[in-house]
């Protein structure tokens, strides 16, 4: 039979995993920002910056301009859900941290109730 955890440990298990969720959230959002800066910015600059609209519209199949356009249009579709997952993971981590506060405060109140008569008796 599995050993049961004391009430305080059961209610504060979120304190053990909330750093993982918050770090995962920051990592996913940071990865999205990194890809946006490292991939999309230079590609967008190469596509829009040095080519006139007439040149971009007249690009033939197999041209590097169409490859740039494919990168520019496909990466945001990948990064949006990844960023959303990162923000959601970060918020779950924060919620797990906050959820443990009432249990910890209840335990502190119980300890204080036991210690207060001893402190008053001196």
N, C-alpha and C. Protein backbone atom coordinates (compact mmCIF):
# COMPACT_ATOMS: atom_id res chain seq x y z
N UNK A 1 0.84 -1.18 0.00
CA UNK A 1 0.00 0.00 0.00
C UNK A 1 0.88 1.24 0.00
N UNK A 2 0.48 2.23 -0.74
CA UNK A 2 1.27 3.45 -0.86
C UNK A 2 1.21 4.26 0.42
N UNK A 3 2.34 4.84 0.73
CA UNK A 3 2.43 5.67 1.92
C UNK A 3 1.70 6.99 1.65
N UNK A 4 0.81 7.39 2.55
CA UNK A 4 0.06 8.63 2.33
C UNK A 4 0.87 9.81 2.85
N UNK A 5 0.75 10.90 2.15
CA UNK A 5 1.46 12.11 2.52
C UNK A 5 0.70 12.87 3.59
N UNK A 6 1.40 13.55 4.45
CA UNK A 6 0.71 14.43 5.39
C UNK A 6 -0.04 15.52 4.63
N UNK A 7 -1.02 16.10 5.30
CA UNK A 7 -1.89 17.07 4.65
C UNK A 7 -1.10 18.24 4.07
N UNK A 8 -0.13 18.77 4.81
CA UNK A 8 0.62 19.91 4.33
C UNK A 8 1.41 19.56 3.08
N UNK A 9 2.02 18.40 3.04
CA UNK A 9 2.79 18.00 1.86
C UNK A 9 1.88 17.75 0.66
N UNK A 10 0.68 17.23 0.90
CA UNK A 10 -0.26 17.02 -0.19
C UNK A 10 -0.71 18.34 -0.78
N UNK A 11 -0.93 19.33 0.06
CA UNK A 11 -1.44 20.61 -0.41
C UNK A 11 -0.35 21.52 -0.98
N UNK A 12 0.90 21.22 -0.71
CA UNK A 12 1.98 22.08 -1.20
C UNK A 12 2.85 21.39 -2.24
N UNK A 13 2.37 20.34 -2.86
CA UNK A 13 3.17 19.68 -3.91
C UNK A 13 3.35 20.60 -5.11
N UNK A 14 2.48 21.58 -5.28
CA UNK A 14 2.65 22.54 -6.35
C UNK A 14 3.92 23.36 -6.22
N UNK A 15 4.42 23.50 -4.98
CA UNK A 15 5.66 24.24 -4.78
C UNK A 15 6.86 23.53 -5.39
N UNK A 16 6.76 22.24 -5.56
CA UNK A 16 7.88 21.49 -6.13
C UNK A 16 7.90 21.57 -7.65
N UNK A 17 6.75 21.76 -8.28
CA UNK A 17 6.69 21.75 -9.74
C UNK A 17 6.48 23.12 -10.36
N UNK A 18 6.11 24.12 -9.57
CA UNK A 18 5.83 25.41 -10.19
C UNK A 18 7.06 26.04 -10.84
N UNK A 19 8.28 25.85 -10.32
CA UNK A 19 9.42 26.43 -11.05
C UNK A 19 9.60 25.80 -12.44
N UNK A 20 9.28 24.53 -12.57
CA UNK A 20 9.40 23.88 -13.88
C UNK A 20 8.45 24.50 -14.89
N UNK A 21 7.23 24.75 -14.46
CA UNK A 21 6.25 25.34 -15.37
C UNK A 21 6.63 26.77 -15.75
N UNK A 22 7.10 27.55 -14.77
CA UNK A 22 7.46 28.93 -15.10
C UNK A 22 8.69 28.99 -16.00
N UNK A 23 9.67 28.15 -15.75
CA UNK A 23 10.86 28.13 -16.61
C UNK A 23 10.50 27.63 -18.00
N UNK A 24 9.64 26.63 -18.08
CA UNK A 24 9.19 26.15 -19.39
C UNK A 24 8.48 27.25 -20.16
N UNK A 25 7.64 28.01 -19.47
CA UNK A 25 6.93 29.12 -20.11
C UNK A 25 7.89 30.16 -20.64
N UNK A 26 8.86 30.55 -19.82
CA UNK A 26 9.85 31.54 -20.28
C UNK A 26 10.66 31.00 -21.44
N UNK A 27 11.01 29.71 -21.39
CA UNK A 27 11.81 29.12 -22.47
C UNK A 27 11.04 29.11 -23.79
N UNK A 28 9.77 28.76 -23.75
CA UNK A 28 8.98 28.73 -24.99
C UNK A 28 8.78 30.13 -25.56
N UNK A 29 8.49 31.09 -24.71
CA UNK A 29 8.33 32.46 -25.19
C UNK A 29 9.67 33.00 -25.69
N UNK A 30 10.74 32.71 -24.98
CA UNK A 30 12.06 33.15 -25.42
C UNK A 30 12.47 32.52 -26.74
N UNK A 31 12.13 31.24 -26.93
CA UNK A 31 12.41 30.58 -28.20
C UNK A 31 11.65 31.24 -29.34
N UNK A 32 10.41 31.60 -29.09
CA UNK A 32 9.62 32.28 -30.12
C UNK A 32 10.22 33.63 -30.48
N UNK A 33 10.66 34.36 -29.48
CA UNK A 33 11.29 35.65 -29.74
C UNK A 33 12.59 35.47 -30.50
N UNK A 34 13.37 34.48 -30.10
CA UNK A 34 14.65 34.22 -30.75
C UNK A 34 14.46 33.86 -32.23
N UNK A 35 13.50 32.99 -32.52
CA UNK A 35 13.23 32.63 -33.91
C UNK A 35 12.74 33.85 -34.70
N UNK A 36 11.90 34.66 -34.08
CA UNK A 36 11.41 35.85 -34.76
C UNK A 36 12.55 36.80 -35.11
N UNK A 37 13.47 36.98 -34.18
CA UNK A 37 14.57 37.90 -34.42
C UNK A 37 15.60 37.30 -35.37
N UNK A 38 15.92 36.02 -35.17
CA UNK A 38 17.00 35.41 -35.95
C UNK A 38 16.58 34.96 -37.35
N UNK A 39 15.33 34.56 -37.52
CA UNK A 39 14.90 34.03 -38.81
C UNK A 39 14.01 35.01 -39.56
N UNK A 40 12.96 35.47 -38.90
CA UNK A 40 11.97 36.28 -39.62
C UNK A 40 12.46 37.69 -39.95
N UNK A 41 13.23 38.30 -39.06
CA UNK A 41 13.70 39.66 -39.35
C UNK A 41 14.63 39.72 -40.56
N UNK A 42 15.68 38.88 -40.62
CA UNK A 42 16.53 38.94 -41.82
C UNK A 42 15.80 38.54 -43.10
N UNK A 43 14.92 37.55 -42.99
CA UNK A 43 14.19 37.11 -44.17
C UNK A 43 13.24 38.21 -44.66
N UNK A 44 12.54 38.84 -43.72
CA UNK A 44 11.66 39.95 -44.09
C UNK A 44 12.43 41.12 -44.66
N UNK A 45 13.58 41.39 -44.10
CA UNK A 45 14.41 42.47 -44.62
C UNK A 45 14.89 42.16 -46.04
N UNK A 46 15.27 40.91 -46.27
CA UNK A 46 15.73 40.54 -47.62
C UNK A 46 14.58 40.56 -48.62
N UNK A 47 13.40 40.17 -48.18
CA UNK A 47 12.25 40.10 -49.10
C UNK A 47 11.70 41.49 -49.41
N UNK A 48 11.44 42.26 -48.35
CA UNK A 48 10.79 43.56 -48.56
C UNK A 48 11.78 44.70 -48.80
N UNK A 49 12.96 44.61 -48.20
CA UNK A 49 13.87 45.75 -48.21
C UNK A 49 14.54 46.04 -49.53
N UNK A 50 15.07 45.03 -50.18
CA UNK A 50 15.89 45.29 -51.36
C UNK A 50 15.15 45.04 -52.68
N UNK A 51 13.91 44.63 -52.60
CA UNK A 51 13.17 44.32 -53.83
C UNK A 51 11.92 45.17 -53.92
N UNK A 52 11.71 45.74 -55.09
CA UNK A 52 10.51 46.53 -55.32
C UNK A 52 9.31 45.59 -55.45
N UNK A 53 8.14 46.13 -55.29
CA UNK A 53 6.92 45.32 -55.38
C UNK A 53 6.80 44.67 -56.75
N UNK A 54 7.22 45.33 -57.78
CA UNK A 54 7.14 44.77 -59.14
C UNK A 54 8.03 43.53 -59.24
N UNK A 55 9.20 43.60 -58.65
CA UNK A 55 10.13 42.45 -58.68
C UNK A 55 9.54 41.29 -57.87
N UNK A 56 8.97 41.60 -56.72
CA UNK A 56 8.37 40.53 -55.89
C UNK A 56 7.19 39.89 -56.59
N UNK A 57 6.36 40.68 -57.24
CA UNK A 57 5.19 40.14 -57.94
C UNK A 57 5.58 39.33 -59.17
N UNK A 58 6.70 39.64 -59.79
CA UNK A 58 7.12 38.96 -61.02
C UNK A 58 8.02 37.75 -60.75
N UNK A 59 8.16 37.36 -59.50
CA UNK A 59 9.03 36.23 -59.16
C UNK A 59 8.47 34.94 -59.77
N UNK A 60 9.36 34.16 -60.36
CA UNK A 60 8.94 32.90 -60.99
C UNK A 60 9.13 31.75 -60.02
N UNK A 61 8.57 30.60 -60.37
CA UNK A 61 8.68 29.42 -59.51
C UNK A 61 10.14 29.04 -59.36
N UNK A 62 10.55 28.79 -58.12
CA UNK A 62 11.94 28.42 -57.85
C UNK A 62 12.81 29.61 -57.49
N UNK A 63 12.28 30.81 -57.54
CA UNK A 63 13.05 32.00 -57.20
C UNK A 63 13.23 32.08 -55.69
N UNK A 64 14.33 32.67 -55.25
CA UNK A 64 14.59 32.79 -53.81
C UNK A 64 13.59 33.72 -53.13
N UNK A 65 12.99 34.62 -53.88
CA UNK A 65 11.97 35.49 -53.29
C UNK A 65 10.75 34.70 -52.82
N UNK A 66 10.37 33.70 -53.59
CA UNK A 66 9.23 32.87 -53.17
C UNK A 66 9.59 32.01 -51.96
N UNK A 67 10.84 31.58 -51.89
CA UNK A 67 11.28 30.83 -50.70
C UNK A 67 11.24 31.73 -49.47
N UNK A 68 11.67 32.98 -49.63
CA UNK A 68 11.60 33.94 -48.52
C UNK A 68 10.15 34.19 -48.11
N UNK A 69 9.27 34.32 -49.09
CA UNK A 69 7.86 34.53 -48.79
C UNK A 69 7.26 33.34 -48.05
N UNK A 70 7.68 32.14 -48.42
CA UNK A 70 7.21 30.93 -47.72
C UNK A 70 7.65 30.94 -46.27
N UNK A 71 8.89 31.30 -46.03
CA UNK A 71 9.40 31.37 -44.64
C UNK A 71 8.64 32.43 -43.86
N UNK A 72 8.46 33.58 -44.47
CA UNK A 72 7.78 34.68 -43.78
C UNK A 72 6.33 34.32 -43.44
N UNK A 73 5.67 33.57 -44.30
CA UNK A 73 4.27 33.25 -44.04
C UNK A 73 4.07 32.00 -43.21
N UNK A 74 5.04 31.10 -43.15
CA UNK A 74 4.83 29.84 -42.42
C UNK A 74 5.27 29.90 -40.96
N UNK A 75 6.36 30.58 -40.66
CA UNK A 75 6.86 30.58 -39.28
C UNK A 75 5.89 31.20 -38.27
N UNK A 76 5.21 32.29 -38.57
CA UNK A 76 4.26 32.81 -37.58
C UNK A 76 3.16 31.83 -37.22
N UNK A 77 2.79 30.97 -38.15
CA UNK A 77 1.76 29.96 -37.84
C UNK A 77 2.27 28.93 -36.85
N UNK A 78 3.57 28.71 -36.81
CA UNK A 78 4.17 27.79 -35.85
C UNK A 78 4.43 28.49 -34.52
N UNK A 79 4.87 29.73 -34.58
CA UNK A 79 5.26 30.44 -33.37
C UNK A 79 4.08 30.90 -32.51
N UNK A 80 2.96 31.19 -33.11
CA UNK A 80 1.80 31.67 -32.34
C UNK A 80 1.33 30.63 -31.31
N UNK A 81 1.09 29.37 -31.69
CA UNK A 81 0.69 28.39 -30.68
C UNK A 81 1.79 28.12 -29.66
N UNK A 82 3.05 28.18 -30.10
CA UNK A 82 4.15 27.94 -29.19
C UNK A 82 4.23 29.05 -28.14
N UNK A 83 4.04 30.28 -28.56
CA UNK A 83 4.04 31.39 -27.62
C UNK A 83 2.84 31.29 -26.68
N UNK A 84 1.69 30.93 -27.20
CA UNK A 84 0.51 30.75 -26.36
C UNK A 84 0.74 29.66 -25.32
N UNK A 85 1.35 28.56 -25.73
CA UNK A 85 1.66 27.48 -24.79
C UNK A 85 2.64 27.96 -23.72
N UNK A 86 3.61 28.78 -24.12
CA UNK A 86 4.56 29.31 -23.15
C UNK A 86 3.89 30.21 -22.13
N UNK A 87 3.02 31.09 -22.57
CA UNK A 87 2.32 31.98 -21.64
C UNK A 87 1.40 31.17 -20.73
N UNK A 88 0.72 30.18 -21.28
CA UNK A 88 -0.16 29.33 -20.46
C UNK A 88 0.64 28.55 -19.44
N UNK A 89 1.78 28.01 -19.83
CA UNK A 89 2.62 27.27 -18.90
C UNK A 89 3.13 28.17 -17.78
N UNK A 90 3.52 29.38 -18.12
CA UNK A 90 3.97 30.33 -17.11
C UNK A 90 2.85 30.65 -16.13
N UNK A 91 1.64 30.84 -16.63
CA UNK A 91 0.52 31.16 -15.76
C UNK A 91 0.15 29.98 -14.86
N UNK A 92 0.27 28.76 -15.37
CA UNK A 92 0.02 27.57 -14.55
C UNK A 92 1.04 27.51 -13.42
N UNK A 93 2.30 27.81 -13.73
CA UNK A 93 3.33 27.81 -12.69
C UNK A 93 3.03 28.83 -11.61
N UNK A 94 2.62 30.02 -11.99
CA UNK A 94 2.29 31.05 -11.00
C UNK A 94 1.08 30.61 -10.17
N UNK A 95 0.08 30.01 -10.81
CA UNK A 95 -1.11 29.56 -10.08
C UNK A 95 -0.75 28.46 -9.08
N UNK A 96 0.15 27.55 -9.46
CA UNK A 96 0.57 26.50 -8.53
C UNK A 96 1.29 27.09 -7.33
N UNK A 97 2.10 28.11 -7.57
CA UNK A 97 2.78 28.76 -6.46
C UNK A 97 1.81 29.45 -5.53
N UNK A 98 0.84 30.16 -6.10
CA UNK A 98 -0.14 30.85 -5.26
C UNK A 98 -1.08 29.88 -4.54
N UNK A 99 -1.35 28.73 -5.14
CA UNK A 99 -2.27 27.77 -4.52
C UNK A 99 -1.70 27.18 -3.24
N UNK A 100 -0.40 27.18 -3.08
CA UNK A 100 0.22 26.60 -1.89
C UNK A 100 0.21 27.57 -0.71
N UNK A 101 -0.01 28.85 -0.95
CA UNK A 101 0.07 29.84 0.12
C UNK A 101 -0.95 29.60 1.24
N UNK A 102 -2.23 29.33 0.96
CA UNK A 102 -3.18 29.11 2.07
C UNK A 102 -2.78 27.94 2.98
N UNK A 103 -2.30 26.86 2.40
CA UNK A 103 -1.91 25.71 3.23
C UNK A 103 -0.73 26.05 4.13
N UNK A 104 0.22 26.79 3.60
CA UNK A 104 1.37 27.18 4.40
C UNK A 104 0.95 28.13 5.51
N UNK A 105 0.07 29.07 5.20
CA UNK A 105 -0.41 29.99 6.23
C UNK A 105 -1.22 29.28 7.30
N UNK A 106 -2.04 28.30 6.92
CA UNK A 106 -2.79 27.51 7.91
C UNK A 106 -1.83 26.80 8.85
N UNK A 107 -0.79 26.24 8.31
CA UNK A 107 0.20 25.54 9.14
C UNK A 107 0.89 26.52 10.08
N UNK A 108 1.24 27.69 9.60
CA UNK A 108 1.89 28.70 10.45
C UNK A 108 0.95 29.17 11.56
N UNK A 109 -0.33 29.31 11.25
CA UNK A 109 -1.30 29.72 12.27
C UNK A 109 -1.41 28.65 13.35
N UNK A 110 -1.44 27.37 12.96
CA UNK A 110 -1.51 26.29 13.95
C UNK A 110 -0.28 26.30 14.85
N UNK A 111 0.88 26.50 14.30
CA UNK A 111 2.11 26.55 15.10
C UNK A 111 2.08 27.75 16.03
N UNK A 112 1.61 28.89 15.53
CA UNK A 112 1.54 30.09 16.36
C UNK A 112 0.54 29.91 17.50
N UNK A 113 -0.59 29.24 17.25
CA UNK A 113 -1.57 29.00 18.30
C UNK A 113 -0.99 28.13 19.41
N UNK A 114 -0.15 27.18 19.03
CA UNK A 114 0.48 26.32 20.04
C UNK A 114 1.59 27.05 20.80
N UNK A 115 2.28 27.95 20.13
CA UNK A 115 3.41 28.65 20.77
C UNK A 115 2.98 29.85 21.58
N UNK A 116 1.84 30.47 21.26
CA UNK A 116 1.42 31.68 21.93
C UNK A 116 1.21 31.49 23.43
N UNK A 117 0.55 30.43 23.90
CA UNK A 117 0.42 30.26 25.35
C UNK A 117 1.79 30.09 26.02
N UNK A 118 2.72 29.45 25.37
CA UNK A 118 4.04 29.29 25.95
C UNK A 118 4.78 30.62 26.04
N UNK A 119 4.58 31.48 25.06
CA UNK A 119 5.24 32.79 25.06
C UNK A 119 4.59 33.71 26.09
N UNK A 120 3.29 33.58 26.30
CA UNK A 120 2.59 34.44 27.26
C UNK A 120 2.87 34.02 28.70
N UNK A 121 3.19 32.75 28.90
CA UNK A 121 3.42 32.24 30.26
C UNK A 121 4.75 32.67 30.84
N UNK A 122 5.65 33.18 30.06
CA UNK A 122 6.98 33.57 30.58
C UNK A 122 6.95 34.83 31.34
